Amino acid sequence: RGWSTRPAQLARALARRGLYTTIL
């Protein structure tokens, strides 16, 4: 889906803001 889900979009945005994000 090209990372189109809400969790994926928020996780990617947090990473762009500087957080290291681990998705389980």
PDBML (XML) file of the C-alpha atoms, coordinates in Angstrom:
<?xml version="1.0" encoding="UTF-8" ?>
<PDBx:datablock datablockName="MODEL"
   xmlns:PDBx="http://pdbml.pdb.org/schema/pdbx-v50.xsd"
   xmlns:xsi="http://www.w3.org/2001/XMLSchema-instance"
   xsi:schemaLocation="http://pdbml.pdb.org/schema/pdbx-v50.xsd pdbx-v50.xsd">
   <PDBx:atom_siteCategory>
      <PDBx:atom_site id="1">
         <PDBx:B_iso_or_equiv>0.00</PDBx:B_iso_or_equiv>
         <PDBx:Cartn_x>0.000</PDBx:Cartn_x>
         <PDBx:Cartn_y>0.000</PDBx:Cartn_y>
         <PDBx:Cartn_z>0.000</PDBx:Cartn_z>
         <PDBx:auth_asym_id>A</PDBx:auth_asym_id>
         <PDBx:auth_atom_id>CA</PDBx:auth_atom_id>
         <PDBx:auth_comp_id>ARG</PDBx:auth_comp_id>
         <PDBx:auth_seq_id>1</PDBx:auth_seq_id>
         <PDBx:group_PDB>ATOM</PDBx:group_PDB>
         <PDBx:label_alt_id xsi:nil="true" />
         <PDBx:label_asym_id>A</PDBx:label_asym_id>
         <PDBx:label_atom_id>CA</PDBx:label_atom_id>
         <PDBx:label_comp_id>ARG</PDBx:label_comp_id>
         <PDBx:label_entity_id>1</PDBx:label_entity_id>
         <PDBx:label_seq_id>1</PDBx:label_seq_id>
         <PDBx:occupancy>1.00</PDBx:occupancy>
         <PDBx:pdbx_PDB_model_num>1</PDBx:pdbx_PDB_model_num>
         <PDBx:type_symbol>C</PDBx:type_symbol>
      </PDBx:atom_site>
      <PDBx:atom_site id="2">
         <PDBx:B_iso_or_equiv>0.00</PDBx:B_iso_or_equiv>
         <PDBx:Cartn_x>2.962</PDBx:Cartn_x>
         <PDBx:Cartn_y>2.331</PDBx:Cartn_y>
         <PDBx:Cartn_z>-0.153</PDBx:Cartn_z>
         <PDBx:auth_asym_id>A</PDBx:auth_asym_id>
         <PDBx:auth_atom_id>CA</PDBx:auth_atom_id>
         <PDBx:auth_comp_id>GLY</PDBx:auth_comp_id>
         <PDBx:auth_seq_id>2</PDBx:auth_seq_id>
         <PDBx:group_PDB>ATOM</PDBx:group_PDB>
         <PDBx:label_alt_id xsi:nil="true" />
         <PDBx:label_asym_id>A</PDBx:label_asym_id>
         <PDBx:label_atom_id>CA</PDBx:label_atom_id>
         <PDBx:label_comp_id>GLY</PDBx:label_comp_id>
         <PDBx:label_entity_id>1</PDBx:label_entity_id>
         <PDBx:label_seq_id>2</PDBx:label_seq_id>
         <PDBx:occupancy>1.00</PDBx:occupancy>
         <PDBx:pdbx_PDB_model_num>1</PDBx:pdbx_PDB_model_num>
         <PDBx:type_symbol>C</PDBx:type_symbol>
      </PDBx:atom_site>
      <PDBx:atom_site id="3">
         <PDBx:B_iso_or_equiv>0.00</PDBx:B_iso_or_equiv>
         <PDBx:Cartn_x>2.953</PDBx:Cartn_x>
         <PDBx:Cartn_y>3.020</PDBx:Cartn_y>
         <PDBx:Cartn_z>3.610</PDBx:Cartn_z>
         <PDBx:auth_asym_id>A</PDBx:auth_asym_id>
         <PDBx:auth_atom_id>CA</PDBx:auth_atom_id>
         <PDBx:auth_comp_id>TRP</PDBx:auth_comp_id>
         <PDBx:auth_seq_id>3</PDBx:auth_seq_id>
         <PDBx:group_PDB>ATOM</PDBx:group_PDB>
         <PDBx:label_alt_id xsi:nil="true" />
         <PDBx:label_asym_id>A</PDBx:label_asym_id>
         <PDBx:label_atom_id>CA</PDBx:label_atom_id>
         <PDBx:label_comp_id>TRP</PDBx:label_comp_id>
         <PDBx:label_entity_id>1</PDBx:label_entity_id>
         <PDBx:label_seq_id>3</PDBx:label_seq_id>
         <PDBx:occupancy>1.00</PDBx:occupancy>
         <PDBx:pdbx_PDB_model_num>1</PDBx:pdbx_PDB_model_num>
         <PDBx:type_symbol>C</PDBx:type_symbol>
      </PDBx:atom_site>
      <PDBx:atom_site id="4">
         <PDBx:B_iso_or_equiv>0.00</PDBx:B_iso_or_equiv>
         <PDBx:Cartn_x>-0.517</PDBx:Cartn_x>
         <PDBx:Cartn_y>4.566</PDBx:Cartn_y>
         <PDBx:Cartn_z>3.305</PDBx:Cartn_z>
         <PDBx:auth_asym_id>A</PDBx:auth_asym_id>
         <PDBx:auth_atom_id>CA</PDBx:auth_atom_id>
         <PDBx:auth_comp_id>SER</PDBx:auth_comp_id>
         <PDBx:auth_seq_id>4</PDBx:auth_seq_id>
         <PDBx:group_PDB>ATOM</PDBx:group_PDB>
         <PDBx:label_alt_id xsi:nil="true" />
         <PDBx:label_asym_id>A</PDBx:label_asym_id>
         <PDBx:label_atom_id>CA</PDBx:label_atom_id>
         <PDBx:label_comp_id>SER</PDBx:label_comp_id>
         <PDBx:label_entity_id>1</PDBx:label_entity_id>
         <PDBx:label_seq_id>4</PDBx:label_seq_id>
         <PDBx:occupancy>1.00</PDBx:occupancy>
         <PDBx:pdbx_PDB_model_num>1</PDBx:pdbx_PDB_model_num>
         <PDBx:type_symbol>C</PDBx:type_symbol>
      </PDBx:atom_site>
      <PDBx:atom_site id="5">
         <PDBx:B_iso_or_equiv>0.00</PDBx:B_iso_or_equiv>
         <PDBx:Cartn_x>-1.966</PDBx:Cartn_x>
         <PDBx:Cartn_y>3.390</PDBx:Cartn_y>
         <PDBx:Cartn_z>6.659</PDBx:Cartn_z>
         <PDBx:auth_asym_id>A</PDBx:auth_asym_id>
         <PDBx:auth_atom_id>CA</PDBx:auth_atom_id>
         <PDBx:auth_comp_id>THR</PDBx:auth_comp_id>
         <PDBx:auth_seq_id>5</PDBx:auth_seq_id>
         <PDBx:group_PDB>ATOM</PDBx:group_PDB>
         <PDBx:label_alt_id xsi:nil="true" />
         <PDBx:label_asym_id>A</PDBx:label_asym_id>
         <PDBx:label_atom_id>CA</PDBx:label_atom_id>
         <PDBx:label_comp_id>THR</PDBx:label_comp_id>
         <PDBx:label_entity_id>1</PDBx:label_entity_id>
         <PDBx:label_seq_id>5</PDBx:label_seq_id>
         <PDBx:occupancy>1.00</PDBx:occupancy>
         <PDBx:pdbx_PDB_model_num>1</PDBx:pdbx_PDB_model_num>
         <PDBx:type_symbol>C</PDBx:type_symbol>
      </PDBx:atom_site>
      <PDBx:atom_site id="6">
         <PDBx:B_iso_or_equiv>0.00</PDBx:B_iso_or_equiv>
         <PDBx:Cartn_x>-2.323</PDBx:Cartn_x>
         <PDBx:Cartn_y>5.778</PDBx:Cartn_y>
         <PDBx:Cartn_z>9.599</PDBx:Cartn_z>
         <PDBx:auth_asym_id>A</PDBx:auth_asym_id>
         <PDBx:auth_atom_id>CA</PDBx:auth_atom_id>
         <PDBx:auth_comp_id>ARG</PDBx:auth_comp_id>
         <PDBx:auth_seq_id>6</PDBx:auth_seq_id>
         <PDBx:group_PDB>ATOM</PDBx:group_PDB>
         <PDBx:label_alt_id xsi:nil="true" />
         <PDBx:label_asym_id>A</PDBx:label_asym_id>
         <PDBx:label_atom_id>CA</PDBx:label_atom_id>
         <PDBx:label_comp_id>ARG</PDBx:label_comp_id>
         <PDBx:label_entity_id>1</PDBx:label_entity_id>
         <PDBx:label_seq_id>6</PDBx:label_seq_id>
         <PDBx:occupancy>1.00</PDBx:occupancy>
         <PDBx:pdbx_PDB_model_num>1</PDBx:pdbx_PDB_model_num>
         <PDBx:type_symbol>C</PDBx:type_symbol>
      </PDBx:atom_site>
      <PDBx:atom_site id="7">
         <PDBx:B_iso_or_equiv>0.00</PDBx:B_iso_or_equiv>
         <PDBx:Cartn_x>0.310</PDBx:Cartn_x>
         <PDBx:Cartn_y>4.026</PDBx:Cartn_y>
         <PDBx:Cartn_z>11.796</PDBx:Cartn_z>
         <PDBx:auth_asym_id>A</PDBx:auth_asym_id>
         <PDBx:auth_atom_id>CA</PDBx:auth_atom_id>
         <PDBx:auth_comp_id>PRO</PDBx:auth_comp_id>
         <PDBx:auth_seq_id>7</PDBx:auth_seq_id>
         <PDBx:group_PDB>ATOM</PDBx:group_PDB>
         <PDBx:label_alt_id xsi:nil="true" />
         <PDBx:label_asym_id>A</PDBx:label_asym_id>
         <PDBx:label_atom_id>CA</PDBx:label_atom_id>
         <PDBx:label_comp_id>PRO</PDBx:label_comp_id>
         <PDBx:label_entity_id>1</PDBx:label_entity_id>
         <PDBx:label_seq_id>7</PDBx:label_seq_id>
         <PDBx:occupancy>1.00</PDBx:occupancy>
         <PDBx:pdbx_PDB_model_num>1</PDBx:pdbx_PDB_model_num>
         <PDBx:type_symbol>C</PDBx:type_symbol>
      </PDBx:atom_site>
      <PDBx:atom_site id="8">
         <PDBx:B_iso_or_equiv>0.00</PDBx:B_iso_or_equiv>
         <PDBx:Cartn_x>2.812</PDBx:Cartn_x>
         <PDBx:Cartn_y>3.974</PDBx:Cartn_y>
         <PDBx:Cartn_z>8.919</PDBx:Cartn_z>
         <PDBx:auth_asym_id>A</PDBx:auth_asym_id>
         <PDBx:auth_atom_id>CA</PDBx:auth_atom_id>
         <PDBx:auth_comp_id>ALA</PDBx:auth_comp_id>
         <PDBx:auth_seq_id>8</PDBx:auth_seq_id>
         <PDBx:group_PDB>ATOM</PDBx:group_PDB>
         <PDBx:label_alt_id xsi:nil="true" />
         <PDBx:label_asym_id>A</PDBx:label_asym_id>
         <PDBx:label_atom_id>CA</PDBx:label_atom_id>
         <PDBx:label_comp_id>ALA</PDBx:label_comp_id>
         <PDBx:label_entity_id>1</PDBx:label_entity_id>
         <PDBx:label_seq_id>8</PDBx:label_seq_id>
         <PDBx:occupancy>1.00</PDBx:occupancy>
         <PDBx:pdbx_PDB_model_num>1</PDBx:pdbx_PDB_model_num>
         <PDBx:type_symbol>C</PDBx:type_symbol>
      </PDBx:atom_site>
      <PDBx:atom_site id="9">
         <PDBx:B_iso_or_equiv>0.00</PDBx:B_iso_or_equiv>
         <PDBx:Cartn_x>2.220</PDBx:Cartn_x>
         <PDBx:Cartn_y>7.618</PDBx:Cartn_y>
         <PDBx:Cartn_z>8.014</PDBx:Cartn_z>
         <PDBx:auth_asym_id>A</PDBx:auth_asym_id>
         <PDBx:auth_atom_id>CA</PDBx:auth_atom_id>
         <PDBx:auth_comp_id>GLN</PDBx:auth_comp_id>
         <PDBx:auth_seq_id>9</PDBx:auth_seq_id>
         <PDBx:group_PDB>ATOM</PDBx:group_PDB>
         <PDBx:label_alt_id xsi:nil="true" />
         <PDBx:label_asym_id>A</PDBx:label_asym_id>
         <PDBx:label_atom_id>CA</PDBx:label_atom_id>
         <PDBx:label_comp_id>GLN</PDBx:label_comp_id>
         <PDBx:label_entity_id>1</PDBx:label_entity_id>
         <PDBx:label_seq_id>9</PDBx:label_seq_id>
         <PDBx:occupancy>1.00</PDBx:occupancy>
         <PDBx:pdbx_PDB_model_num>1</PDBx:pdbx_PDB_model_num>
         <PDBx:type_symbol>C</PDBx:type_symbol>
      </PDBx:atom_site>
      <PDBx:atom_site id="10">
         <PDBx:B_iso_or_equiv>0.00</PDBx:B_iso_or_equiv>
         <PDBx:Cartn_x>2.581</PDBx:Cartn_x>
         <PDBx:Cartn_y>8.791</PDBx:Cartn_y>
         <PDBx:Cartn_z>11.621</PDBx:Cartn_z>
         <PDBx:auth_asym_id>A</PDBx:auth_asym_id>
         <PDBx:auth_atom_id>CA</PDBx:auth_atom_id>
         <PDBx:auth_comp_id>LEU</PDBx:auth_comp_id>
         <PDBx:auth_seq_id>10</PDBx:auth_seq_id>
         <PDBx:group_PDB>ATOM</PDBx:group_PDB>
         <PDBx:label_alt_id xsi:nil="true" />
         <PDBx:label_asym_id>A</PDBx:label_asym_id>
         <PDBx:label_atom_id>CA</PDBx:label_atom_id>
         <PDBx:label_comp_id>LEU</PDBx:label_comp_id>
         <PDBx:label_entity_id>1</PDBx:label_entity_id>
         <PDBx:label_seq_id>10</PDBx:label_seq_id>
         <PDBx:occupancy>1.00</PDBx:occupancy>
         <PDBx:pdbx_PDB_model_num>1</PDBx:pdbx_PDB_model_num>
         <PDBx:type_symbol>C</PDBx:type_symbol>
      </PDBx:atom_site>
      <PDBx:atom_site id="11">
         <PDBx:B_iso_or_equiv>0.00</PDBx:B_iso_or_equiv>
         <PDBx:Cartn_x>5.659</PDBx:Cartn_x>
         <PDBx:Cartn_y>6.610</PDBx:Cartn_y>
         <PDBx:Cartn_z>12.167</PDBx:Cartn_z>
         <PDBx:auth_asym_id>A</PDBx:auth_asym_id>
         <PDBx:auth_atom_id>CA</PDBx:auth_atom_id>
         <PDBx:auth_comp_id>ALA</PDBx:auth_comp_id>
         <PDBx:auth_seq_id>11</PDBx:auth_seq_id>
         <PDBx:group_PDB>ATOM</PDBx:group_PDB>
         <PDBx:label_alt_id xsi:nil="true" />
         <PDBx:label_asym_id>A</PDBx:label_asym_id>
         <PDBx:label_atom_id>CA</PDBx:label_atom_id>
         <PDBx:label_comp_id>ALA</PDBx:label_comp_id>
         <PDBx:label_entity_id>1</PDBx:label_entity_id>
         <PDBx:label_seq_id>11</PDBx:label_seq_id>
         <PDBx:occupancy>1.00</PDBx:occupancy>
         <PDBx:pdbx_PDB_model_num>1</PDBx:pdbx_PDB_model_num>
         <PDBx:type_symbol>C</PDBx:type_symbol>
      </PDBx:atom_site>
      <PDBx:atom_site id="12">
         <PDBx:B_iso_or_equiv>0.00</PDBx:B_iso_or_equiv>
         <PDBx:Cartn_x>7.324</PDBx:Cartn_x>
         <PDBx:Cartn_y>8.020</PDBx:Cartn_y>
         <PDBx:Cartn_z>9.054</PDBx:Cartn_z>
         <PDBx:auth_asym_id>A</PDBx:auth_asym_id>
         <PDBx:auth_atom_id>CA</PDBx:auth_atom_id>
         <PDBx:auth_comp_id>ARG</PDBx:auth_comp_id>
         <PDBx:auth_seq_id>12</PDBx:auth_seq_id>
         <PDBx:group_PDB>ATOM</PDBx:group_PDB>
         <PDBx:label_alt_id xsi:nil="true" />
         <PDBx:label_asym_id>A</PDBx:label_asym_id>
         <PDBx:label_atom_id>CA</PDBx:label_atom_id>
         <PDBx:label_comp_id>ARG</PDBx:label_comp_id>
         <PDBx:label_entity_id>1</PDBx:label_entity_id>
         <PDBx:label_seq_id>12</PDBx:label_seq_id>
         <PDBx:occupancy>1.00</PDBx:occupancy>
         <PDBx:pdbx_PDB_model_num>1</PDBx:pdbx_PDB_model_num>
         <PDBx:type_symbol>C</PDBx:type_symbol>
      </PDBx:atom_site>
      <PDBx:atom_site id="13">
         <PDBx:B_iso_or_equiv>0.00</PDBx:B_iso_or_equiv>
         <PDBx:Cartn_x>6.435</PDBx:Cartn_x>
         <PDBx:Cartn_y>11.576</PDBx:Cartn_y>
         <PDBx:Cartn_z>10.036</PDBx:Cartn_z>
         <PDBx:auth_asym_id>A</PDBx:auth_asym_id>
         <PDBx:auth_atom_id>CA</PDBx:auth_atom_id>
         <PDBx:auth_comp_id>ALA</PDBx:auth_comp_id>
         <PDBx:auth_seq_id>13</PDBx:auth_seq_id>
         <PDBx:group_PDB>ATOM</PDBx:group_PDB>
         <PDBx:label_alt_id xsi:nil="true" />
         <PDBx:label_asym_id>A</PDBx:label_asym_id>
         <PDBx:label_atom_id>CA</PDBx:label_atom_id>
         <PDBx:label_comp_id>ALA</PDBx:label_comp_id>
         <PDBx:label_entity_id>1</PDBx:label_entity_id>
         <PDBx:label_seq_id>13</PDBx:label_seq_id>
         <PDBx:occupancy>1.00</PDBx:occupancy>
         <PDBx:pdbx_PDB_model_num>1</PDBx:pdbx_PDB_model_num>
         <PDBx:type_symbol>C</PDBx:type_symbol>
      </PDBx:atom_site>
      <PDBx:atom_site id="14">
         <PDBx:B_iso_or_equiv>0.00</PDBx:B_iso_or_equiv>
         <PDBx:Cartn_x>7.898</PDBx:Cartn_x>
         <PDBx:Cartn_y>11.052</PDBx:Cartn_y>
         <PDBx:Cartn_z>13.518</PDBx:Cartn_z>
         <PDBx:auth_asym_id>A</PDBx:auth_asym_id>
         <PDBx:auth_atom_id>CA</PDBx:auth_atom_id>
         <PDBx:auth_comp_id>LEU</PDBx:auth_comp_id>
         <PDBx:auth_seq_id>14</PDBx:auth_seq_id>
         <PDBx:group_PDB>ATOM</PDBx:group_PDB>
         <PDBx:label_alt_id xsi:nil="true" />
         <PDBx:label_asym_id>A</PDBx:label_asym_id>
         <PDBx:label_atom_id>CA</PDBx:label_atom_id>
         <PDBx:label_comp_id>LEU</PDBx:label_comp_id>
         <PDBx:label_entity_id>1</PDBx:label_entity_id>
         <PDBx:label_seq_id>14</PDBx:label_seq_id>
         <PDBx:occupancy>1.00</PDBx:occupancy>
         <PDBx:pdbx_PDB_model_num>1</PDBx:pdbx_PDB_model_num>
         <PDBx:type_symbol>C</PDBx:type_symbol>
      </PDBx:atom_site>
      <PDBx:atom_site id="15">
         <PDBx:B_iso_or_equiv>0.00</PDBx:B_iso_or_equiv>
         <PDBx:Cartn_x>11.079</PDBx:Cartn_x>
         <PDBx:Cartn_y>9.723</PDBx:Cartn_y>
         <PDBx:Cartn_z>11.917</PDBx:Cartn_z>
         <PDBx:auth_asym_id>A</PDBx:auth_asym_id>
         <PDBx:auth_atom_id>CA</PDBx:auth_atom_id>
         <PDBx:auth_comp_id>ALA</PDBx:auth_comp_id>
         <PDBx:auth_seq_id>15</PDBx:auth_seq_id>
         <PDBx:group_PDB>ATOM</PDBx:group_PDB>
         <PDBx:label_alt_id xsi:nil="true" />
         <PDBx:label_asym_id>A</PDBx:label_asym_id>
         <PDBx:label_atom_id>CA</PDBx:label_atom_id>
         <PDBx:label_comp_id>ALA</PDBx:label_comp_id>
         <PDBx:label_entity_id>1</PDBx:label_entity_id>
         <PDBx:label_seq_id>15</PDBx:label_seq_id>
         <PDBx:occupancy>1.00</PDBx:occupancy>
         <PDBx:pdbx_PDB_model_num>1</PDBx:pdbx_PDB_model_num>
         <PDBx:type_symbol>C</PDBx:type_symbol>
      </PDBx:atom_site>
      <PDBx:atom_site id="16">
         <PDBx:B_iso_or_equiv>0.00</PDBx:B_iso_or_equiv>
         <PDBx:Cartn_x>11.285</PDBx:Cartn_x>
         <PDBx:Cartn_y>12.838</PDBx:Cartn_y>
         <PDBx:Cartn_z>9.735</PDBx:Cartn_z>
         <PDBx:auth_asym_id>A</PDBx:auth_asym_id>
         <PDBx:auth_atom_id>CA</PDBx:auth_atom_id>
         <PDBx:auth_comp_id>ARG</PDBx:auth_comp_id>
         <PDBx:auth_seq_id>16</PDBx:auth_seq_id>
         <PDBx:group_PDB>ATOM</PDBx:group_PDB>
         <PDBx:label_alt_id xsi:nil="true" />
         <PDBx:label_asym_id>A</PDBx:label_asym_id>
         <PDBx:label_atom_id>CA</PDBx:label_atom_id>
         <PDBx:label_comp_id>ARG</PDBx:label_comp_id>
         <PDBx:label_entity_id>1</PDBx:label_entity_id>
         <PDBx:label_seq_id>16</PDBx:label_seq_id>
         <PDBx:occupancy>1.00</PDBx:occupancy>
         <PDBx:pdbx_PDB_model_num>1</PDBx:pdbx_PDB_model_num>
         <PDBx:type_symbol>C</PDBx:type_symbol>
      </PDBx:atom_site>
      <PDBx:atom_site id="17">
         <PDBx:B_iso_or_equiv>0.00</PDBx:B_iso_or_equiv>
         <PDBx:Cartn_x>10.984</PDBx:Cartn_x>
         <PDBx:Cartn_y>14.903</PDBx:Cartn_y>
         <PDBx:Cartn_z>12.901</PDBx:Cartn_z>
         <PDBx:auth_asym_id>A</PDBx:auth_asym_id>
         <PDBx:auth_atom_id>CA</PDBx:auth_atom_id>
         <PDBx:auth_comp_id>ARG</PDBx:auth_comp_id>
         <PDBx:auth_seq_id>17</PDBx:auth_seq_id>
         <PDBx:group_PDB>ATOM</PDBx:group_PDB>
         <PDBx:label_alt_id xsi:nil="true" />
         <PDBx:label_asym_id>A</PDBx:label_asym_id>
         <PDBx:label_atom_id>CA</PDBx:label_atom_id>
         <PDBx:label_comp_id>ARG</PDBx:label_comp_id>
         <PDBx:label_entity_id>1</PDBx:label_entity_id>
         <PDBx:label_seq_id>17</PDBx:label_seq_id>
         <PDBx:occupancy>1.00</PDBx:occupancy>
         <PDBx:pdbx_PDB_model_num>1</PDBx:pdbx_PDB_model_num>
         <PDBx:type_symbol>C</PDBx:type_symbol>
      </PDBx:atom_site>
      <PDBx:atom_site id="18">
         <PDBx:B_iso_or_equiv>0.00</PDBx:B_iso_or_equiv>
         <PDBx:Cartn_x>14.052</PDBx:Cartn_x>
         <PDBx:Cartn_y>13.155</PDBx:Cartn_y>
         <PDBx:Cartn_z>14.325</PDBx:Cartn_z>
         <PDBx:auth_asym_id>A</PDBx:auth_asym_id>
         <PDBx:auth_atom_id>CA</PDBx:auth_atom_id>
         <PDBx:auth_comp_id>GLY</PDBx:auth_comp_id>
         <PDBx:auth_seq_id>18</PDBx:auth_seq_id>
         <PDBx:group_PDB>ATOM</PDBx:group_PDB>
         <PDBx:label_alt_id xsi:nil="true" />
         <PDBx:label_asym_id>A</PDBx:label_asym_id>
         <PDBx:label_atom_id>CA</PDBx:label_atom_id>
         <PDBx:label_comp_id>GLY</PDBx:label_comp_id>
         <PDBx:label_entity_id>1</PDBx:label_entity_id>
         <PDBx:label_seq_id>18</PDBx:label_seq_id>
         <PDBx:occupancy>1.00</PDBx:occupancy>
         <PDBx:pdbx_PDB_model_num>1</PDBx:pdbx_PDB_model_num>
         <PDBx:type_symbol>C</PDBx:type_symbol>
      </PDBx:atom_site>
      <PDBx:atom_site id="19">
         <PDBx:B_iso_or_equiv>0.00</PDBx:B_iso_or_equiv>
         <PDBx:Cartn_x>12.800</PDBx:Cartn_x>
         <PDBx:Cartn_y>10.190</PDBx:Cartn_y>
         <PDBx:Cartn_z>16.356</PDBx:Cartn_z>
         <PDBx:auth_asym_id>A</PDBx:auth_asym_id>
         <PDBx:auth_atom_id>CA</PDBx:auth_atom_id>
         <PDBx:auth_comp_id>LEU</PDBx:auth_comp_id>
         <PDBx:auth_seq_id>19</PDBx:auth_seq_id>
         <PDBx:group_PDB>ATOM</PDBx:group_PDB>
         <PDBx:label_alt_id xsi:nil="true" />
         <PDBx:label_asym_id>A</PDBx:label_asym_id>
         <PDBx:label_atom_id>CA</PDBx:label_atom_id>
         <PDBx:label_comp_id>LEU</PDBx:label_comp_id>
         <PDBx:label_entity_id>1</PDBx:label_entity_id>
         <PDBx:label_seq_id>19</PDBx:label_seq_id>
         <PDBx:occupancy>1.00</PDBx:occupancy>
         <PDBx:pdbx_PDB_model_num>1</PDBx:pdbx_PDB_model_num>
         <PDBx:type_symbol>C</PDBx:type_symbol>
      </PDBx:atom_site>
      <PDBx:atom_site id="20">
         <PDBx:B_iso_or_equiv>0.00</PDBx:B_iso_or_equiv>
         <PDBx:Cartn_x>14.184</PDBx:Cartn_x>
         <PDBx:Cartn_y>6.721</PDBx:Cartn_y>
         <PDBx:Cartn_z>15.855</PDBx:Cartn_z>
         <PDBx:auth_asym_id>A</PDBx:auth_asym_id>
         <PDBx:auth_atom_id>CA</PDBx:auth_atom_id>
         <PDBx:auth_comp_id>TYR</PDBx:auth_comp_id>
         <PDBx:auth_seq_id>20</PDBx:auth_seq_id>
         <PDBx:group_PDB>ATOM</PDBx:group_PDB>
         <PDBx:label_alt_id xsi:nil="true" />
         <PDBx:label_asym_id>A</PDBx:label_asym_id>
         <PDBx:label_atom_id>CA</PDBx:label_atom_id>
         <PDBx:label_comp_id>TYR</PDBx:label_comp_id>
         <PDBx:label_entity_id>1</PDBx:label_entity_id>
         <PDBx:label_seq_id>20</PDBx:label_seq_id>
         <PDBx:occupancy>1.00</PDBx:occupancy>
         <PDBx:pdbx_PDB_model_num>1</PDBx:pdbx_PDB_model_num>
         <PDBx:type_symbol>C</PDBx:type_symbol>
      </PDBx:atom_site>
      <PDBx:atom_site id="21">
         <PDBx:B_iso_or_equiv>0.00</PDBx:B_iso_or_equiv>
         <PDBx:Cartn_x>11.050</PDBx:Cartn_x>
         <PDBx:Cartn_y>4.634</PDBx:Cartn_y>
         <PDBx:Cartn_z>15.237</PDBx:Cartn_z>
         <PDBx:auth_asym_id>A</PDBx:auth_asym_id>
         <PDBx:auth_atom_id>CA</PDBx:auth_atom_id>
         <PDBx:auth_comp_id>THR</PDBx:auth_comp_id>
         <PDBx:auth_seq_id>21</PDBx:auth_seq_id>
         <PDBx:group_PDB>ATOM</PDBx:group_PDB>
         <PDBx:label_alt_id xsi:nil="true" />
         <PDBx:label_asym_id>A</PDBx:label_asym_id>
         <PDBx:label_atom_id>CA</PDBx:label_atom_id>
         <PDBx:label_comp_id>THR</PDBx:label_comp_id>
         <PDBx:label_entity_id>1</PDBx:label_entity_id>
         <PDBx:label_seq_id>21</PDBx:label_seq_id>
         <PDBx:occupancy>1.00</PDBx:occupancy>
         <PDBx:pdbx_PDB_model_num>1</PDBx:pdbx_PDB_model_num>
         <PDBx:type_symbol>C</PDBx:type_symbol>
      </PDBx:atom_site>
      <PDBx:atom_site id="22">
         <PDBx:B_iso_or_equiv>0.00</PDBx:B_iso_or_equiv>
         <PDBx:Cartn_x>10.775</PDBx:Cartn_x>
         <PDBx:Cartn_y>0.875</PDBx:Cartn_y>
         <PDBx:Cartn_z>15.681</PDBx:Cartn_z>
         <PDBx:auth_asym_id>A</PDBx:auth_asym_id>
         <PDBx:auth_atom_id>CA</PDBx:auth_atom_id>
         <PDBx:auth_comp_id>THR</PDBx:auth_comp_id>
         <PDBx:auth_seq_id>22</PDBx:auth_seq_id>
         <PDBx:group_PDB>ATOM</PDBx:group_PDB>
         <PDBx:label_alt_id xsi:nil="true" />
         <PDBx:label_asym_id>A</PDBx:label_asym_id>
         <PDBx:label_atom_id>CA</PDBx:label_atom_id>
         <PDBx:label_comp_id>THR</PDBx:label_comp_id>
         <PDBx:label_entity_id>1</PDBx:label_entity_id>
         <PDBx:label_seq_id>22</PDBx:label_seq_id>
         <PDBx:occupancy>1.00</PDBx:occupancy>
         <PDBx:pdbx_PDB_model_num>1</PDBx:pdbx_PDB_model_num>
         <PDBx:type_symbol>C</PDBx:type_symbol>
      </PDBx:atom_site>
      <PDBx:atom_site id="23">
         <PDBx:B_iso_or_equiv>0.00</PDBx:B_iso_or_equiv>
         <PDBx:Cartn_x>7.642</PDBx:Cartn_x>
         <PDBx:Cartn_y>-0.721</PDBx:Cartn_y>
         <PDBx:Cartn_z>14.236</PDBx:Cartn_z>
         <PDBx:auth_asym_id>A</PDBx:auth_asym_id>
         <PDBx:auth_atom_id>CA</PDBx:auth_atom_id>
         <PDBx:auth_comp_id>ILE</PDBx:auth_comp_id>
         <PDBx:auth_seq_id>23</PDBx:auth_seq_id>
         <PDBx:group_PDB>ATOM</PDBx:group_PDB>
         <PDBx:label_alt_id xsi:nil="true" />
         <PDBx:label_asym_id>A</PDBx:label_asym_id>
         <PDBx:label_atom_id>CA</PDBx:label_atom_id>
         <PDBx:label_comp_id>ILE</PDBx:label_comp_id>
         <PDBx:label_entity_id>1</PDBx:label_entity_id>
         <PDBx:label_seq_id>23</PDBx:label_seq_id>
         <PDBx:occupancy>1.00</PDBx:occupancy>
         <PDBx:pdbx_PDB_model_num>1</PDBx:pdbx_PDB_model_num>
         <PDBx:type_symbol>C</PDBx:type_symbol>
      </PDBx:atom_site>
      <PDBx:atom_site id="24">
         <PDBx:B_iso_or_equiv>0.00</PDBx:B_iso_or_equiv>
         <PDBx:Cartn_x>6.627</PDBx:Cartn_x>
         <PDBx:Cartn_y>-4.039</PDBx:Cartn_y>
         <PDBx:Cartn_z>15.803</PDBx:Cartn_z>
         <PDBx:auth_asym_id>A</PDBx:auth_asym_id>
         <PDBx:auth_atom_id>CA</PDBx:auth_atom_id>
         <PDBx:auth_comp_id>LEU</PDBx:auth_comp_id>
         <PDBx:auth_seq_id>24</PDBx:auth_seq_id>
         <PDBx:group_PDB>ATOM</PDBx:group_PDB>
         <PDBx:label_alt_id xsi:nil="true" />
         <PDBx:label_asym_id>A</PDBx:label_asym_id>
         <PDBx:label_atom_id>CA</PDBx:label_atom_id>
         <PDBx:label_comp_id>LEU</PDBx:label_comp_id>
         <PDBx:label_entity_id>1</PDBx:label_entity_id>
         <PDBx:label_seq_id>24</PDBx:label_seq_id>
         <PDBx:occupancy>1.00</PDBx:occupancy>
         <PDBx:pdbx_PDB_model_num>1</PDBx:pdbx_PDB_model_num>
         <PDBx:type_symbol>C</PDBx:type_symbol>
      </PDBx:atom_site>
   </PDBx:atom_siteCategory>
</PDBx:datablock>
